Amino acid sequence: MDFGPYLLLASLEGAVTAAVLALTAVGLSLVFGVMRVVNVAHGEFFMLGAVLAWWIASHIGGDPALGFIAALILAPLAVGALAALADMTILRRVNYDPERTIVATIGILYILQQVTLMTYGPEARPVEPPFNSRLALPWFEWGETGLQMYFPWGLSTTSYKLFVIAAAAAVLMGVWALMARTRIGLLMRATQLDRDMALAFGIPVERVYAMVFGLGGALAALGAVLIVPIQQAHYLMGGDPLLLSFIVVIIGGLGSLPGTVVAAILIGLSDGIISVFFSPTLAKILATLLVALVLVFRPEGLFGMKTR
C-alpha cells in the first residue's frame, strides 16, 4: 500500500482520538472557564464512565446494542451526578479557592481511583460494540484513462469508529447550542464574566457551578463510553485523557470552547498520524513541546483572550 492510503488510515485513527479528546477537553475547559477551577480529577471521571459502561453492559446482557445504549445514557448521568455532588460537598466548602480546589480535586482523584480498584479490580475489561462492520475505503489515483478508483488491500475502518466521530460531533454541536442559545447557557456565560455581578442580579451561582461541574464530568464519561468498545476499561486509564485534555485546553485557550475543539482536532490527528508512522511516545513529546511554545509566545492560547 502506498503512502497516501496509509496517511488516510492514520488520519481516521487520529479523528477517532480527536473526537473523544474534544468531548473530554471541552468538559475540562467548561469547568475552568465558568468556575476558574482546575479539575485534576477530570481523568478519573473519564475512567469512571468507562468502568460504569462495562458494568451496565455486562449486567444487562442480551443484545450488545441494548447494553451499549443503556451505558451511553446511564453512565454519563451517574458520573455527572457524582461530579455535581462533589462540587456541593467539597469544592463549595473551600469557597472555590484556586489552590485549595487543586488539592481537593487531587483527593477526589485518589478516592475514585482506589475505590474503583477495590470494587472493579485491576483487570482491563472490554465492552462489545453495538455494531462493528468492517468497511473498505476507496482510494483515487490518476491512471492511463484518467482518475481511477480502487480499494487497496488493508485500507479499511469499522462502522463503529465512524459512529464515534459522528456522535462526538453531534454532542459538541449540542454543547454549543446549550451555551449560545439557551437560558442556562446565558446564566453560565454571565457567571463566567463576573461572578459578583451575577450574584447581584439574583443568579444562583452555586447551582450554576454544580451544574457546570456535573456537565464537565458527564462529557468526560460520555467520551469514555464511546471509546471503551475500542479500548478497554481499566482503573488507571484516566491519566492519558487528563494529560491530553490539559494540553488541548492550554493550546486552545483556557475557557475557550472553540479553541478547545480546534486544538483537540490538531492534537488528535497529529497523535494518530505520528503514532502510526513513528511512535506514540514521539507524539506525546511533540504535543508537550507545542504547549511550551504556546506558553512562551502566546500564553493566553490560540483562541484565548488577552488579559489587561
C-alpha atoms as a PDB file:
ATOM      1  CA  MET A   1       0.000   0.000   0.000  1.00  0.00           C
ATOM      2  CA  ASP A   2       1.331   3.429  -0.985  1.00  0.00           C
ATOM      3  CA  PHE A   3       1.924   6.331   1.382  1.00  0.00           C
ATOM      4  CA  GLY A   4      -1.377   8.069   0.575  1.00  0.00           C
ATOM      5  CA  PRO A   5      -3.672   5.244   1.753  1.00  0.00           C
ATOM      6  CA  TYR A   6      -1.542   4.814   4.872  1.00  0.00           C
ATOM      7  CA  LEU A   7      -1.947   8.528   5.606  1.00  0.00           C
ATOM      8  CA  LEU A   8      -5.724   8.265   5.172  1.00  0.00           C
ATOM      9  CA  LEU A   9      -5.853   5.306   7.561  1.00  0.00           C
ATOM     10  CA  ALA A  10      -3.725   7.125  10.143  1.00  0.00           C
ATOM     11  CA  SER A  11      -5.908  10.233   9.801  1.00  0.00           C
ATOM     12  CA  LEU A  12      -9.060   8.203  10.508  1.00  0.00           C
ATOM     13  CA  GLU A  13      -7.484   6.737  13.632  1.00  0.00           C
ATOM     14  CA  GLY A  14      -6.483  10.247  14.652  1.00  0.00           C
ATOM     15  CA  ALA A  15     -10.007  11.507  14.007  1.00  0.00           C
ATOM     16  CA  VAL A  16     -11.402   8.966  16.486  1.00  0.00           C
ATOM     17  CA  THR A  17      -8.863  10.112  19.070  1.00  0.00           C
ATOM     18  CA  ALA A  18      -9.680  13.754  18.327  1.00  0.00           C
ATOM     19  CA  ALA A  19     -13.428  13.158  18.701  1.00  0.00           C
ATOM     20  CA  VAL A  20     -13.132  11.601  22.155  1.00  0.00           C
ATOM     21  CA  LEU A  21     -10.457  14.087  23.211  1.00  0.00           C
ATOM     22  CA  ALA A  22     -12.668  17.006  22.173  1.00  0.00           C
ATOM     23  CA  LEU A  23     -15.509  15.773  24.405  1.00  0.00           C
ATOM     24  CA  THR A  24     -13.182  15.270  27.359  1.00  0.00           C
ATOM     25  CA  ALA A  25     -11.314  18.546  26.910  1.00  0.00           C
ATOM     26  CA  VAL A  26     -14.492  20.599  26.395  1.00  0.00           C
ATOM     27  CA  GLY A  27     -15.702  19.363  29.780  1.00  0.00           C
ATOM     28  CA  LEU A  28     -12.430  20.456  31.390  1.00  0.00           C
ATOM     29  CA  SER A  29     -12.465  23.802  29.575  1.00  0.00           C
ATOM     30  CA  LEU A  30     -16.074  24.449  30.580  1.00  0.00           C
ATOM     31  CA  VAL A  31     -15.273  23.886  34.257  1.00  0.00           C
ATOM     32  CA  PHE A  32     -12.271  26.196  34.159  1.00  0.00           C
ATOM     33  CA  GLY A  33     -13.968  28.824  32.029  1.00  0.00           C
ATOM     34  CA  VAL A  34     -17.038  29.214  34.243  1.00  0.00           C
ATOM     35  CA  MET A  35     -15.718  28.225  37.676  1.00  0.00           C
ATOM     36  CA  ARG A  36     -11.996  29.027  37.383  1.00  0.00           C
ATOM     37  CA  VAL A  37     -11.325  25.583  38.856  1.00  0.00           C
ATOM     38  CA  VAL A  38      -8.511  23.321  37.637  1.00  0.00           C
ATOM     39  CA  ASN A  39     -10.146  19.907  37.922  1.00  0.00           C
ATOM     40  CA  VAL A  40      -7.309  17.418  38.423  1.00  0.00           C
ATOM     41  CA  ALA A  41      -9.886  14.634  38.913  1.00  0.00           C
ATOM     42  CA  HIS A  42     -11.272  15.067  35.396  1.00  0.00           C
ATOM     43  CA  GLY A  43      -9.452  11.996  34.108  1.00  0.00           C
ATOM     44  CA  GLU A  44     -10.991   9.855  36.835  1.00  0.00           C
ATOM     45  CA  PHE A  45     -14.473  10.903  35.734  1.00  0.00           C
ATOM     46  CA  PHE A  46     -13.425   9.620  32.310  1.00  0.00           C
ATOM     47  CA  MET A  47     -12.247   6.348  33.848  1.00  0.00           C
ATOM     48  CA  LEU A  48     -15.413   6.019  35.905  1.00  0.00           C
ATOM     49  CA  GLY A  49     -17.531   6.411  32.776  1.00  0.00           C
ATOM     50  CA  ALA A  50     -15.685   3.528  31.103  1.00  0.00           C
ATOM     51  CA  VAL A  51     -15.954   1.269  34.159  1.00  0.00           C
ATOM     52  CA  LEU A  52     -19.664   2.026  34.585  1.00  0.00           C
ATOM     53  CA  ALA A  53     -20.191   1.333  30.871  1.00  0.00           C
ATOM     54  CA  TRP A  54     -18.680  -2.132  31.328  1.00  0.00           C
ATOM     55  CA  TRP A  55     -20.748  -2.757  34.475  1.00  0.00           C
ATOM     56  CA  ILE A  56     -24.036  -1.665  32.884  1.00  0.00           C
ATOM     57  CA  ALA A  57     -23.443  -3.543  29.620  1.00  0.00           C
ATOM     58  CA  SER A  58     -22.383  -6.745  31.392  1.00  0.00           C
ATOM     59  CA  HIS A  59     -25.401  -6.723  33.723  1.00  0.00           C
ATOM     60  CA  ILE A  60     -27.974  -6.069  31.010  1.00  0.00           C
ATOM     61  CA  GLY A  61     -26.678  -8.835  28.738  1.00  0.00           C
ATOM     62  CA  GLY A  62     -28.525  -9.966  25.624  1.00  0.00           C
ATOM     63  CA  ASP A  63     -28.051  -7.890  22.501  1.00  0.00           C
ATOM     64  CA  PRO A  64     -24.842  -5.800  22.806  1.00  0.00           C
ATOM     65  CA  ALA A  65     -26.689  -2.813  21.383  1.00  0.00           C
ATOM     66  CA  LEU A  66     -29.087  -2.734  24.358  1.00  0.00           C
ATOM     67  CA  GLY A  67     -26.273  -2.736  26.888  1.00  0.00           C
ATOM     68  CA  PHE A  68     -24.333  -0.091  24.986  1.00  0.00           C
ATOM     69  CA  ILE A  69     -27.339   2.238  24.632  1.00  0.00           C
ATOM     70  CA  ALA A  70     -28.098   1.878  28.330  1.00  0.00           C
ATOM     71  CA  ALA A  71     -24.466   2.618  29.186  1.00  0.00           C
ATOM     72  CA  LEU A  72     -24.413   5.589  26.810  1.00  0.00           C
ATOM     73  CA  ILE A  73     -27.315   7.139  28.721  1.00  0.00           C
ATOM     74  CA  LEU A  74     -26.828   5.990  32.315  1.00  0.00           C
ATOM     75  CA  ALA A  75     -23.049   6.226  32.746  1.00  0.00           C
ATOM     76  CA  PRO A  76     -22.732   9.966  31.885  1.00  0.00           C
ATOM     77  CA  LEU A  77     -25.783  10.742  34.035  1.00  0.00           C
ATOM     78  CA  ALA A  78     -24.337   8.850  37.007  1.00  0.00           C
ATOM     79  CA  VAL A  79     -20.891  10.425  36.664  1.00  0.00           C
ATOM     80  CA  GLY A  80     -22.407  13.876  36.167  1.00  0.00           C
ATOM     81  CA  ALA A  81     -24.491  13.466  39.326  1.00  0.00           C
ATOM     82  CA  LEU A  82     -21.406  12.329  41.245  1.00  0.00           C
ATOM     83  CA  ALA A  83     -19.414  15.316  39.971  1.00  0.00           C
ATOM     84  CA  ALA A  84     -22.196  17.724  40.975  1.00  0.00           C
ATOM     85  CA  LEU A  85     -22.293  16.097  44.415  1.00  0.00           C
ATOM     86  CA  ALA A  86     -18.504  16.505  44.729  1.00  0.00           C
ATOM     87  CA  ASP A  87     -18.895  20.186  43.916  1.00  0.00           C
ATOM     88  CA  MET A  88     -21.621  20.739  46.512  1.00  0.00           C
ATOM     89  CA  THR A  89     -19.925  18.789  49.294  1.00  0.00           C
ATOM     90  CA  ILE A  90     -16.224  19.543  48.703  1.00  0.00           C
ATOM     91  CA  LEU A  91     -15.444  22.420  46.346  1.00  0.00           C
ATOM     92  CA  ARG A  92     -18.147  24.659  47.773  1.00  0.00           C
ATOM     93  CA  ARG A  93     -16.707  24.096  51.251  1.00  0.00           C
ATOM     94  CA  VAL A  94     -13.340  25.523  50.188  1.00  0.00           C
ATOM     95  CA  ASN A  95     -15.035  28.519  48.504  1.00  0.00           C
ATOM     96  CA  TYR A  96     -13.568  27.579  45.116  1.00  0.00           C
ATOM     97  CA  ASP A  97     -10.169  28.896  46.183  1.00  0.00           C
ATOM     98  CA  PRO A  98      -7.731  28.049  43.322  1.00  0.00           C
ATOM     99  CA  GLU A  99      -5.045  26.441  45.459  1.00  0.00           C
ATOM    100  CA  ARG A 100      -7.399  24.528  47.728  1.00  0.00           C
ATOM    101  CA  THR A 101      -9.534  23.258  44.838  1.00  0.00           C
ATOM    102  CA  ILE A 102      -6.422  21.734  43.230  1.00  0.00           C
ATOM    103  CA  VAL A 103      -5.669  19.862  46.455  1.00  0.00           C
ATOM    104  CA  ALA A 104      -9.336  18.873  46.812  1.00  0.00           C
ATOM    105  CA  THR A 105      -9.584  17.500  43.262  1.00  0.00           C
ATOM    106  CA  ILE A 106      -6.329  15.565  43.764  1.00  0.00           C
ATOM    107  CA  GLY A 107      -8.035  13.975  46.758  1.00  0.00           C
ATOM    108  CA  ILE A 108     -11.109  13.176  44.650  1.00  0.00           C
ATOM    109  CA  LEU A 109      -8.785  11.626  42.050  1.00  0.00           C
ATOM    110  CA  TYR A 110      -7.230   9.194  44.512  1.00  0.00           C
ATOM    111  CA  ILE A 111     -10.555   8.349  46.168  1.00  0.00           C
ATOM    112  CA  LEU A 112     -12.202   7.463  42.847  1.00  0.00           C
ATOM    113  CA  GLN A 113      -9.154   5.543  41.661  1.00  0.00           C
ATOM    114  CA  GLN A 114      -8.757   3.451  44.813  1.00  0.00           C
ATOM    115  CA  VAL A 115     -12.479   2.773  45.244  1.00  0.00           C
ATOM    116  CA  THR A 116     -12.597   1.572  41.636  1.00  0.00           C
ATOM    117  CA  LEU A 117      -9.564  -0.670  42.236  1.00  0.00           C
ATOM    118  CA  MET A 118     -11.201  -2.226  45.306  1.00  0.00           C
ATOM    119  CA  THR A 119     -14.579  -2.807  43.659  1.00  0.00           C
ATOM    120  CA  TYR A 120     -13.793  -3.268  39.962  1.00  0.00           C
ATOM    121  CA  GLY A 121     -10.337  -4.810  40.250  1.00  0.00           C
ATOM    122  CA  PRO A 122      -7.073  -4.293  38.331  1.00  0.00           C
ATOM    123  CA  GLU A 123      -8.168  -6.155  35.173  1.00  0.00           C
ATOM    124  CA  ALA A 124      -8.797  -4.411  31.857  1.00  0.00           C
ATOM    125  CA  ARG A 125     -12.221  -5.421  30.552  1.00  0.00           C
ATOM    126  CA  PRO A 126     -13.772  -4.810  27.117  1.00  0.00           C
ATOM    127  CA  VAL A 127     -17.244  -3.662  26.141  1.00  0.00           C
ATOM    128  CA  GLU A 128     -18.684  -5.204  22.997  1.00  0.00           C
ATOM    129  CA  PRO A 129     -19.599  -2.571  20.384  1.00  0.00           C
ATOM    130  CA  PRO A 130     -23.225  -2.435  19.215  1.00  0.00           C
ATOM    131  CA  PHE A 131     -22.082  -2.823  15.616  1.00  0.00           C
ATOM    132  CA  ASN A 132     -18.639  -3.235  14.122  1.00  0.00           C
ATOM    133  CA  SER A 133     -18.833  -3.913  10.397  1.00  0.00           C
ATOM    134  CA  ARG A 134     -15.554  -3.533   8.529  1.00  0.00           C
ATOM    135  CA  LEU A 135     -15.783  -1.021   5.688  1.00  0.00           C
ATOM    136  CA  ALA A 136     -13.330  -0.962   2.793  1.00  0.00           C
ATOM    137  CA  LEU A 137     -12.177   2.545   1.914  1.00  0.00           C
ATOM    138  CA  PRO A 138     -11.634   3.642  -1.677  1.00  0.00           C
ATOM    139  CA  TRP A 139      -8.558   5.418  -2.994  1.00  0.00           C
ATOM    140  CA  PHE A 140      -8.223   7.508  -6.151  1.00  0.00           C
ATOM    141  CA  GLU A 141      -5.243   7.743  -8.477  1.00  0.00           C
ATOM    142  CA  TRP A 142      -4.575   9.069 -11.953  1.00  0.00           C
ATOM    143  CA  GLY A 143      -4.158   6.250 -14.443  1.00  0.00           C
ATOM    144  CA  GLU A 144      -3.908   5.880 -18.186  1.00  0.00           C
ATOM    145  CA  THR A 145      -7.628   6.528 -18.603  1.00  0.00           C
ATOM    146  CA  GLY A 146      -7.860   9.343 -16.043  1.00  0.00           C
ATOM    147  CA  LEU A 147      -8.927   9.310 -12.428  1.00  0.00           C
ATOM    148  CA  GLN A 148      -9.428   5.738 -11.233  1.00  0.00           C
ATOM    149  CA  MET A 149     -10.889   4.372  -8.034  1.00  0.00           C
ATOM    150  CA  TYR A 150      -9.672   1.187  -6.396  1.00  0.00           C
ATOM    151  CA  PHE A 151      -9.685  -0.468  -2.969  1.00  0.00           C
ATOM    152  CA  PRO A 152      -6.159  -1.018  -1.613  1.00  0.00           C
ATOM    153  CA  TRP A 153      -5.666  -4.124   0.490  1.00  0.00           C
ATOM    154  CA  GLY A 154      -5.827  -3.285   4.180  1.00  0.00           C
ATOM    155  CA  LEU A 155      -7.356   0.191   3.736  1.00  0.00           C
ATOM    156  CA  SER A 156     -10.463  -0.165   5.875  1.00  0.00           C
ATOM    157  CA  THR A 157     -12.113   1.042   9.038  1.00  0.00           C
ATOM    158  CA  THR A 158     -15.119  -0.007  11.095  1.00  0.00           C
ATOM    159  CA  SER A 159     -18.620   1.371  11.189  1.00  0.00           C
ATOM    160  CA  TYR A 160     -18.320   1.897  14.942  1.00  0.00           C
ATOM    161  CA  LYS A 161     -15.310   4.209  14.596  1.00  0.00           C
ATOM    162  CA  LEU A 162     -17.238   6.349  12.126  1.00  0.00           C
ATOM    163  CA  PHE A 163     -20.114   6.402  14.611  1.00  0.00           C
ATOM    164  CA  VAL A 164     -17.797   7.682  17.358  1.00  0.00           C
ATOM    165  CA  ILE A 165     -16.724  10.599  15.172  1.00  0.00           C
ATOM    166  CA  ALA A 166     -20.317  11.460  14.207  1.00  0.00           C
ATOM    167  CA  ALA A 167     -21.650  11.100  17.766  1.00  0.00           C
ATOM    168  CA  ALA A 168     -18.925  13.326  19.215  1.00  0.00           C
ATOM    169  CA  ALA A 169     -19.597  15.976  16.575  1.00  0.00           C
ATOM    170  CA  ALA A 170     -23.324  15.905  17.372  1.00  0.00           C
ATOM    171  CA  VAL A 171     -22.705  16.240  21.120  1.00  0.00           C
ATOM    172  CA  LEU A 172     -20.294  19.133  20.606  1.00  0.00           C
ATOM    173  CA  MET A 173     -22.919  20.905  18.493  1.00  0.00           C
ATOM    174  CA  GLY A 174     -25.374  20.322  21.311  1.00  0.00           C
ATOM    175  CA  VAL A 175     -22.973  21.857  23.854  1.00  0.00           C
ATOM    176  CA  TRP A 176     -22.536  24.888  21.584  1.00  0.00           C
ATOM    177  CA  ALA A 177     -26.312  25.251  21.267  1.00  0.00           C
ATOM    178  CA  LEU A 178     -26.676  24.941  25.053  1.00  0.00           C
ATOM    179  CA  MET A 179     -24.136  27.690  25.671  1.00  0.00           C
ATOM    180  CA  ALA A 180     -25.243  30.048  22.893  1.00  0.00           C
ATOM    181  CA  ARG A 181     -28.994  29.540  22.508  1.00  0.00           C
ATOM    182  CA  THR A 182     -30.481  28.682  25.905  1.00  0.00           C
ATOM    183  CA  ARG A 183     -31.195  30.478  29.164  1.00  0.00           C
ATOM    184  CA  ILE A 184     -28.961  28.003  31.014  1.00  0.00           C
ATOM    185  CA  GLY A 185     -26.095  28.938  28.725  1.00  0.00           C
ATOM    186  CA  LEU A 186     -26.801  32.618  29.338  1.00  0.00           C
ATOM    187  CA  LEU A 187     -26.547  32.062  33.088  1.00  0.00           C
ATOM    188  CA  MET A 188     -23.276  30.181  32.623  1.00  0.00           C
ATOM    189  CA  ARG A 189     -21.794  32.944  30.488  1.00  0.00           C
ATOM    190  CA  ALA A 190     -22.936  35.640  32.921  1.00  0.00           C
ATOM    191  CA  THR A 191     -21.343  33.756  35.810  1.00  0.00           C
ATOM    192  CA  GLN A 192     -18.156  33.303  33.788  1.00  0.00           C
ATOM    193  CA  LEU A 193     -17.865  37.023  33.022  1.00  0.00           C
ATOM    194  CA  ASP A 194     -18.485  38.365  36.527  1.00  0.00           C
ATOM    195  CA  ARG A 195     -19.448  36.165  39.477  1.00  0.00           C
ATOM    196  CA  ASP A 196     -20.197  39.061  41.836  1.00  0.00           C
ATOM    197  CA  MET A 197     -22.389  40.827  39.296  1.00  0.00           C
ATOM    198  CA  ALA A 198     -24.235  37.579  38.618  1.00  0.00           C
ATOM    199  CA  LEU A 199     -24.928  37.234  42.336  1.00  0.00           C
ATOM    200  CA  ALA A 200     -26.161  40.829  42.459  1.00  0.00           C
ATOM    201  CA  PHE A 201     -28.662  40.068  39.688  1.00  0.00           C
ATOM    202  CA  GLY A 202     -30.011  37.070  41.594  1.00  0.00           C
ATOM    203  CA  ILE A 203     -28.355  34.310  39.564  1.00  0.00           C
ATOM    204  CA  PRO A 204     -27.922  31.175  41.739  1.00  0.00           C
ATOM    205  CA  VAL A 205     -24.179  30.955  41.163  1.00  0.00           C
ATOM    206  CA  GLU A 206     -23.653  27.912  43.380  1.00  0.00           C
ATOM    207  CA  ARG A 207     -26.287  25.966  41.447  1.00  0.00           C
ATOM    208  CA  VAL A 208     -24.676  27.055  38.185  1.00  0.00           C
ATOM    209  CA  TYR A 209     -21.308  25.832  39.474  1.00  0.00           C
ATOM    210  CA  ALA A 210     -22.743  22.452  40.468  1.00  0.00           C
ATOM    211  CA  MET A 211     -24.420  22.106  37.070  1.00  0.00           C
ATOM    212  CA  VAL A 212     -21.217  23.065  35.196  1.00  0.00           C
ATOM    213  CA  PHE A 213     -19.052  20.677  37.223  1.00  0.00           C
ATOM    214  CA  GLY A 214     -21.589  17.913  36.641  1.00  0.00           C
ATOM    215  CA  LEU A 215     -21.747  18.681  32.916  1.00  0.00           C
ATOM    216  CA  GLY A 216     -17.958  18.569  32.677  1.00  0.00           C
ATOM    217  CA  GLY A 217     -17.852  15.170  34.366  1.00  0.00           C
ATOM    218  CA  ALA A 218     -20.696  13.865  32.185  1.00  0.00           C
ATOM    219  CA  LEU A 219     -18.891  14.903  28.972  1.00  0.00           C
ATOM    220  CA  ALA A 220     -15.739  13.092  30.102  1.00  0.00           C
ATOM    221  CA  ALA A 221     -17.782   9.985  30.925  1.00  0.00           C
ATOM    222  CA  LEU A 222     -19.555  10.158  27.573  1.00  0.00           C
ATOM    223  CA  GLY A 223     -16.226  10.223  25.773  1.00  0.00           C
ATOM    224  CA  ALA A 224     -15.142   7.161  27.764  1.00  0.00           C
ATOM    225  CA  VAL A 225     -18.327   5.240  26.923  1.00  0.00           C
ATOM    226  CA  LEU A 226     -17.721   5.913  23.233  1.00  0.00           C
ATOM    227  CA  ILE A 227     -14.083   4.785  23.296  1.00  0.00           C
ATOM    228  CA  VAL A 228     -14.346   1.765  25.610  1.00  0.00           C
ATOM    229  CA  PRO A 229     -15.510  -0.648  22.840  1.00  0.00           C
ATOM    230  CA  ILE A 230     -12.276   0.247  21.016  1.00  0.00           C
ATOM    231  CA  GLN A 231     -10.047   0.269  24.087  1.00  0.00           C
ATOM    232  CA  GLN A 232     -10.710  -1.472  27.417  1.00  0.00           C
ATOM    233  CA  ALA A 233     -11.964  -0.219  30.765  1.00  0.00           C
ATOM    234  CA  HIS A 234      -9.181  -0.027  33.365  1.00  0.00           C
ATOM    235  CA  TYR A 235      -8.868   1.735  36.690  1.00  0.00           C
ATOM    236  CA  LEU A 236      -5.696   3.581  35.570  1.00  0.00           C
ATOM    237  CA  MET A 237      -6.997   4.744  32.192  1.00  0.00           C
ATOM    238  CA  GLY A 238      -7.691   8.322  33.336  1.00  0.00           C
ATOM    239  CA  GLY A 239      -4.090   9.545  33.194  1.00  0.00           C
ATOM    240  CA  ASP A 240      -3.644   9.996  29.438  1.00  0.00           C
ATOM    241  CA  PRO A 241      -7.022  11.716  28.845  1.00  0.00           C
ATOM    242  CA  LEU A 242      -6.265  14.143  31.686  1.00  0.00           C
ATOM    243  CA  LEU A 243      -2.807  14.988  30.295  1.00  0.00           C
ATOM    244  CA  LEU A 244      -4.050  15.388  26.721  1.00  0.00           C
ATOM    245  CA  SER A 245      -7.039  17.449  27.881  1.00  0.00           C
ATOM    246  CA  PHE A 246      -4.757  19.876  29.720  1.00  0.00           C
ATOM    247  CA  ILE A 247      -2.559  20.117  26.603  1.00  0.00           C
ATOM    248  CA  VAL A 248      -5.600  20.834  24.444  1.00  0.00           C
ATOM    249  CA  VAL A 249      -7.056  23.418  26.828  1.00  0.00           C
ATOM    250  CA  ILE A 250      -3.731  25.256  27.129  1.00  0.00           C
ATOM    251  CA  ILE A 251      -3.182  25.329  23.367  1.00  0.00           C
ATOM    252  CA  GLY A 252      -6.759  26.309  22.540  1.00  0.00           C
ATOM    253  CA  GLY A 253      -7.035  28.896  25.292  1.00  0.00           C
ATOM    254  CA  LEU A 254      -8.278  28.479  28.842  1.00  0.00           C
ATOM    255  CA  GLY A 255     -12.066  28.631  28.853  1.00  0.00           C
ATOM    256  CA  SER A 256     -12.401  28.915  25.043  1.00  0.00           C
ATOM    257  CA  LEU A 257     -14.678  26.171  23.742  1.00  0.00           C
ATOM    258  CA  PRO A 258     -13.973  26.803  20.015  1.00  0.00           C
ATOM    259  CA  GLY A 259     -10.252  26.865  20.748  1.00  0.00           C
ATOM    260  CA  THR A 260     -10.543  23.624  22.680  1.00  0.00           C
ATOM    261  CA  VAL A 261     -12.259  21.858  19.779  1.00  0.00           C
ATOM    262  CA  VAL A 262      -9.717  23.130  17.230  1.00  0.00           C
ATOM    263  CA  ALA A 263      -6.800  22.145  19.470  1.00  0.00           C
ATOM    264  CA  ALA A 264      -8.345  18.699  20.083  1.00  0.00           C
ATOM    265  CA  ILE A 265      -8.589  18.112  16.331  1.00  0.00           C
ATOM    266  CA  LEU A 266      -4.975  19.254  15.900  1.00  0.00           C
ATOM    267  CA  ILE A 267      -3.607  17.106  18.729  1.00  0.00           C
ATOM    268  CA  GLY A 268      -5.811  14.097  17.913  1.00  0.00           C
ATOM    269  CA  LEU A 269      -4.919  13.989  14.224  1.00  0.00           C
ATOM    270  CA  SER A 270      -1.219  14.558  14.870  1.00  0.00           C
ATOM    271  CA  ASP A 271      -1.239  11.892  17.575  1.00  0.00           C
ATOM    272  CA  GLY A 272      -2.851   9.378  15.228  1.00  0.00           C
ATOM    273  CA  ILE A 273      -0.563  10.109  12.289  1.00  0.00           C
ATOM    274  CA  ILE A 274       2.685  10.287  14.280  1.00  0.00           C
ATOM    275  CA  SER A 275       1.788   7.155  16.272  1.00  0.00           C
ATOM    276  CA  VAL A 276       1.247   5.162  13.068  1.00  0.00           C
ATOM    277  CA  PHE A 277       4.354   6.329  11.203  1.00  0.00           C
ATOM    278  CA  PHE A 278       6.728   6.800  14.165  1.00  0.00           C
ATOM    279  CA  SER A 279       5.732   6.099  17.788  1.00  0.00           C
ATOM    280  CA  PRO A 280       3.108   7.200  20.351  1.00  0.00           C
ATOM    281  CA  THR A 281       5.901   8.474  22.611  1.00  0.00           C
ATOM    282  CA  LEU A 282       7.089  10.886  19.928  1.00  0.00           C
ATOM    283  CA  ALA A 283       3.525  12.149  19.513  1.00  0.00           C
ATOM    284  CA  LYS A 284       3.333  12.980  23.246  1.00  0.00           C
ATOM    285  CA  ILE A 285       6.760  14.665  23.157  1.00  0.00           C
ATOM    286  CA  LEU A 286       5.776  16.884  20.221  1.00  0.00           C
ATOM    287  CA  ALA A 287       2.459  17.791  21.878  1.00  0.00           C
ATOM    288  CA  THR A 288       4.289  18.809  25.058  1.00  0.00           C
ATOM    289  CA  LEU A 289       6.763  20.841  23.003  1.00  0.00           C
ATOM    290  CA  LEU A 290       3.860  22.613  21.304  1.00  0.00           C
ATOM    291  CA  VAL A 291       2.435  23.513  24.726  1.00  0.00           C
ATOM    292  CA  ALA A 292       5.798  25.007  25.720  1.00  0.00           C
ATOM    293  CA  LEU A 293       5.908  27.090  22.531  1.00  0.00           C
ATOM    294  CA  VAL A 294       2.341  28.333  23.063  1.00  0.00           C
ATOM    295  CA  LEU A 295       3.102  29.292  26.667  1.00  0.00           C
ATOM    296  CA  VAL A 296       6.194  31.222  25.565  1.00  0.00           C
ATOM    297  CA  PHE A 297       4.840  33.041  22.504  1.00  0.00           C
ATOM    298  CA  ARG A 298       1.076  33.198  23.213  1.00  0.00           C
ATOM    299  CA  PRO A 299       0.381  32.464  26.901  1.00  0.00           C
ATOM    300  CA  GLU A 300      -3.378  33.006  26.530  1.00  0.00           C
ATOM    301  CA  GLY A 301      -3.603  30.219  23.940  1.00  0.00           C
ATOM    302  CA  LEU A 302      -4.522  30.294  20.270  1.00  0.00           C
ATOM    303  CA  PHE A 303      -8.111  31.440  20.885  1.00  0.00           C
ATOM    304  CA  GLY A 304      -7.838  32.847  24.399  1.00  0.00           C
ATOM    305  CA  MET A 305      -8.497  36.468  25.289  1.00  0.00           C
ATOM    306  CA  LYS A 306      -5.571  38.642  26.355  1.00  0.00           C
ATOM    307  CA  THR A 307      -5.827  39.862  29.923  1.00  0.00           C
ATOM    308  CA  ARG A 308      -5.241  43.537  30.523  1.00  0.00           C
END
